[in-house]
N, C-alpha and C. Protein backbone atom coordinates (compact mmCIF):
# COMPACT_ATOMS: atom_id res chain seq x y z
N MET A 1 17.23 9.99 -8.23
CA MET A 1 15.92 8.71 -8.44
C MET A 1 15.95 7.98 -6.82
N PRO A 2 16.31 8.27 -5.95
CA PRO A 2 16.15 7.51 -4.85
C PRO A 2 14.79 7.50 -4.31
N LEU A 3 13.94 8.51 -4.62
CA LEU A 3 12.77 8.71 -4.39
C LEU A 3 11.88 7.78 -5.07
N MET A 4 12.18 7.79 -6.27
CA MET A 4 11.19 6.73 -7.26
C MET A 4 11.52 5.36 -6.78
N ASN A 5 12.74 5.19 -6.51
CA ASN A 5 13.16 3.90 -6.06
C ASN A 5 12.17 3.51 -4.56
N HIS A 6 12.13 4.47 -3.73
CA HIS A 6 11.47 4.27 -2.51
C HIS A 6 9.75 4.01 -2.91
N VAL A 7 9.30 4.88 -3.82
CA VAL A 7 8.11 4.39 -4.49
C VAL A 7 7.74 3.31 -4.77
N THR A 8 8.51 2.79 -5.53
CA THR A 8 8.76 1.33 -6.33
C THR A 8 8.66 0.29 -4.95
N GLU A 9 9.41 0.64 -3.90
CA GLU A 9 9.59 -0.30 -2.78
C GLU A 9 8.11 -0.31 -2.08
N LEU A 10 7.59 0.83 -1.93
CA LEU A 10 6.17 1.09 -1.00
C LEU A 10 4.93 0.43 -1.99
N GLU A 11 4.99 0.18 -3.58
CA GLU A 11 4.21 -0.14 -4.63
C GLU A 11 4.50 -1.95 -4.42
N ARG A 12 5.60 -2.26 -4.04
CA ARG A 12 5.82 -3.79 -3.87
C ARG A 12 5.02 -4.13 -2.63
N LYS A 13 5.30 -3.27 -1.42
CA LYS A 13 4.71 -3.53 -0.31
C LYS A 13 3.02 -3.32 -0.15
N HIS A 14 2.67 -2.35 -1.08
CA HIS A 14 1.09 -2.70 -1.39
C HIS A 14 0.65 -3.74 -2.05
N GLN A 15 1.31 -4.32 -3.03
CA GLN A 15 1.09 -5.39 -3.39
C GLN A 15 0.92 -6.80 -2.60
N ALA A 16 1.89 -6.64 -1.58
CA ALA A 16 2.02 -7.71 -0.54
C ALA A 16 0.95 -7.89 0.09
N LEU A 17 0.51 -6.70 0.61
CA LEU A 17 -0.47 -6.55 1.63
C LEU A 17 -1.87 -7.18 0.80
N GLU A 18 -2.14 -6.58 -0.41
CA GLU A 18 -3.13 -6.95 -1.31
C GLU A 18 -3.18 -8.19 -1.25
N ARG A 19 -2.11 -9.05 -1.45
CA ARG A 19 -2.12 -10.82 -1.42
C ARG A 19 -2.10 -11.25 -0.11
N GLN A 20 -1.93 -10.36 0.92
CA GLN A 20 -2.34 -10.90 2.36
C GLN A 20 -3.67 -10.69 2.53
N ILE A 21 -4.44 -9.43 2.08
CA ILE A 21 -5.76 -9.54 2.32
C ILE A 21 -6.32 -10.96 1.64
N GLN A 22 -6.31 -10.84 0.41
CA GLN A 22 -6.86 -12.03 -0.40
C GLN A 22 -6.79 -13.15 0.47
N ASP A 23 -5.59 -13.52 0.82
CA ASP A 23 -5.50 -14.88 1.54
C ASP A 23 -6.42 -14.84 2.92
N ALA A 24 -6.11 -13.95 3.80
CA ALA A 24 -7.18 -13.60 4.95
C ALA A 24 -8.66 -14.03 4.51
N LEU A 25 -9.20 -13.54 3.32
CA LEU A 25 -10.36 -13.42 2.97
C LEU A 25 -10.75 -15.06 2.38
N ASN A 26 -9.65 -15.51 2.07
CA ASN A 26 -10.00 -16.80 1.79
C ASN A 26 -9.99 -18.13 3.10
N HIS A 27 -9.21 -17.55 4.25
CA HIS A 27 -9.34 -18.26 5.08
C HIS A 27 -10.29 -17.87 6.09
N SER A 28 -11.45 -18.66 6.61
CA SER A 28 -12.66 -18.03 7.28
C SER A 28 -11.90 -17.86 8.67
N SER A 29 -10.78 -18.27 9.32
CA SER A 29 -10.27 -18.25 10.38
C SER A 29 -9.88 -16.84 10.81
N THR A 30 -9.65 -15.94 9.93
CA THR A 30 -8.99 -14.66 10.18
C THR A 30 -10.13 -13.94 10.81
N ASP A 31 -9.57 -13.39 11.54
CA ASP A 31 -10.69 -12.18 12.43
C ASP A 31 -10.61 -11.03 11.80
N ASP A 32 -11.75 -10.36 12.23
CA ASP A 32 -11.89 -8.95 11.25
C ASP A 32 -11.20 -8.01 12.02
N MET A 33 -10.73 -8.02 13.00
CA MET A 33 -9.62 -7.06 13.59
C MET A 33 -7.90 -7.00 12.79
N THR A 34 -7.91 -8.40 12.46
CA THR A 34 -6.48 -8.56 11.59
C THR A 34 -6.86 -7.98 10.13
N LEU A 35 -8.17 -8.50 9.76
CA LEU A 35 -8.39 -7.81 8.27
C LEU A 35 -8.25 -6.54 7.97
N ALA A 36 -8.82 -5.90 9.47
CA ALA A 36 -9.00 -4.54 9.43
C ALA A 36 -7.73 -3.65 9.53
N GLU A 37 -6.78 -4.31 10.11
CA GLU A 37 -5.32 -3.79 10.29
C GLU A 37 -4.48 -4.21 8.85
N LEU A 38 -4.94 -5.14 8.26
CA LEU A 38 -3.96 -5.06 6.79
C LEU A 38 -4.60 -4.25 5.83
N LYS A 39 -6.02 -3.95 6.07
CA LYS A 39 -6.71 -2.95 4.99
C LYS A 39 -6.06 -1.60 5.40
N ARG A 40 -6.09 -1.10 6.76
CA ARG A 40 -5.58 0.33 7.33
C ARG A 40 -4.01 0.52 6.40
N LYS A 41 -3.18 -0.55 6.80
CA LYS A 41 -1.68 -0.52 6.26
C LYS A 41 -1.86 -0.41 4.87
N LYS A 42 -2.65 -0.91 4.11
CA LYS A 42 -2.64 -0.70 2.54
C LYS A 42 -2.98 0.58 2.35
N LEU A 43 -4.14 1.22 2.93
CA LEU A 43 -4.57 2.29 2.44
C LEU A 43 -3.49 3.58 3.12
N GLN A 44 -2.81 3.08 4.17
CA GLN A 44 -1.77 4.23 4.56
C GLN A 44 -0.62 3.95 3.18
N LEU A 45 -0.12 3.04 2.88
CA LEU A 45 0.78 2.77 2.00
C LEU A 45 0.45 3.64 0.71
N LYS A 46 -1.17 3.64 0.15
CA LYS A 46 -1.53 3.94 -1.03
C LYS A 46 -1.32 5.52 -0.75
N ASP A 47 -1.85 6.00 0.21
CA ASP A 47 -1.72 7.51 0.69
C ASP A 47 -0.48 8.24 0.29
N GLU A 48 0.56 7.46 1.06
CA GLU A 48 2.08 7.41 0.83
C GLU A 48 2.74 7.54 -0.47
N ILE A 49 2.29 6.74 -1.28
CA ILE A 49 2.72 6.76 -2.50
C ILE A 49 2.23 7.84 -3.39
N ALA A 50 0.79 8.16 -3.41
CA ALA A 50 0.15 9.04 -3.88
C ALA A 50 1.04 10.60 -3.31
N ARG A 51 1.16 10.58 -2.43
CA ARG A 51 1.92 12.05 -1.96
C ARG A 51 3.23 11.86 -2.46
N LEU A 52 4.12 10.99 -2.32
CA LEU A 52 5.29 10.88 -2.79
C LEU A 52 5.17 11.40 -4.49
N LYS A 53 4.26 10.67 -5.23
CA LYS A 53 4.41 10.92 -6.71
C LYS A 53 3.79 12.26 -6.95
N GLU A 54 3.20 12.84 -5.93
CA GLU A 54 2.89 14.12 -6.23
C GLU A 54 3.98 15.32 -6.11
N VAL A 55 4.81 14.97 -5.02
CA VAL A 55 5.83 15.54 -4.73
C VAL A 55 6.98 15.39 -5.67
N SER A 56 7.17 14.36 -6.65
CA SER A 56 8.03 14.29 -7.40
C SER A 56 7.86 14.75 -8.73
N ALA A 57 6.50 14.76 -9.04
CA ALA A 57 5.90 14.83 -10.34
C ALA A 57 6.55 16.56 -10.58
N PRO A 58 6.34 16.97 -11.70
CA PRO A 58 6.75 18.40 -12.05
C PRO A 58 5.49 19.34 -12.01
N ALA A 59 5.64 20.24 -11.29
CA ALA A 59 4.53 21.30 -11.39
C ALA A 59 3.74 21.66 -12.92
N VAL A 60 2.85 21.64 -13.06
CA VAL A 60 2.24 21.66 -14.58
C VAL A 60 1.03 23.01 -14.21
N HIS A 61 1.60 24.11 -15.03
CA HIS A 61 0.82 25.47 -14.82
C HIS A 61 -0.01 25.63 -16.16
């Protein structure tokens, strides 16, 4: 189960980034570069989560 624990942790980080992005959008002082970096990190986490879930899922034939 260590893989699923890792996925769960990545999902928590993904949710935290979503909150950071929403906070940044609510503050007009946030620059576009910061917002873009947060979104890039969130997308990387999403891709990693999807990849790990695919690896851990049993093959369907």
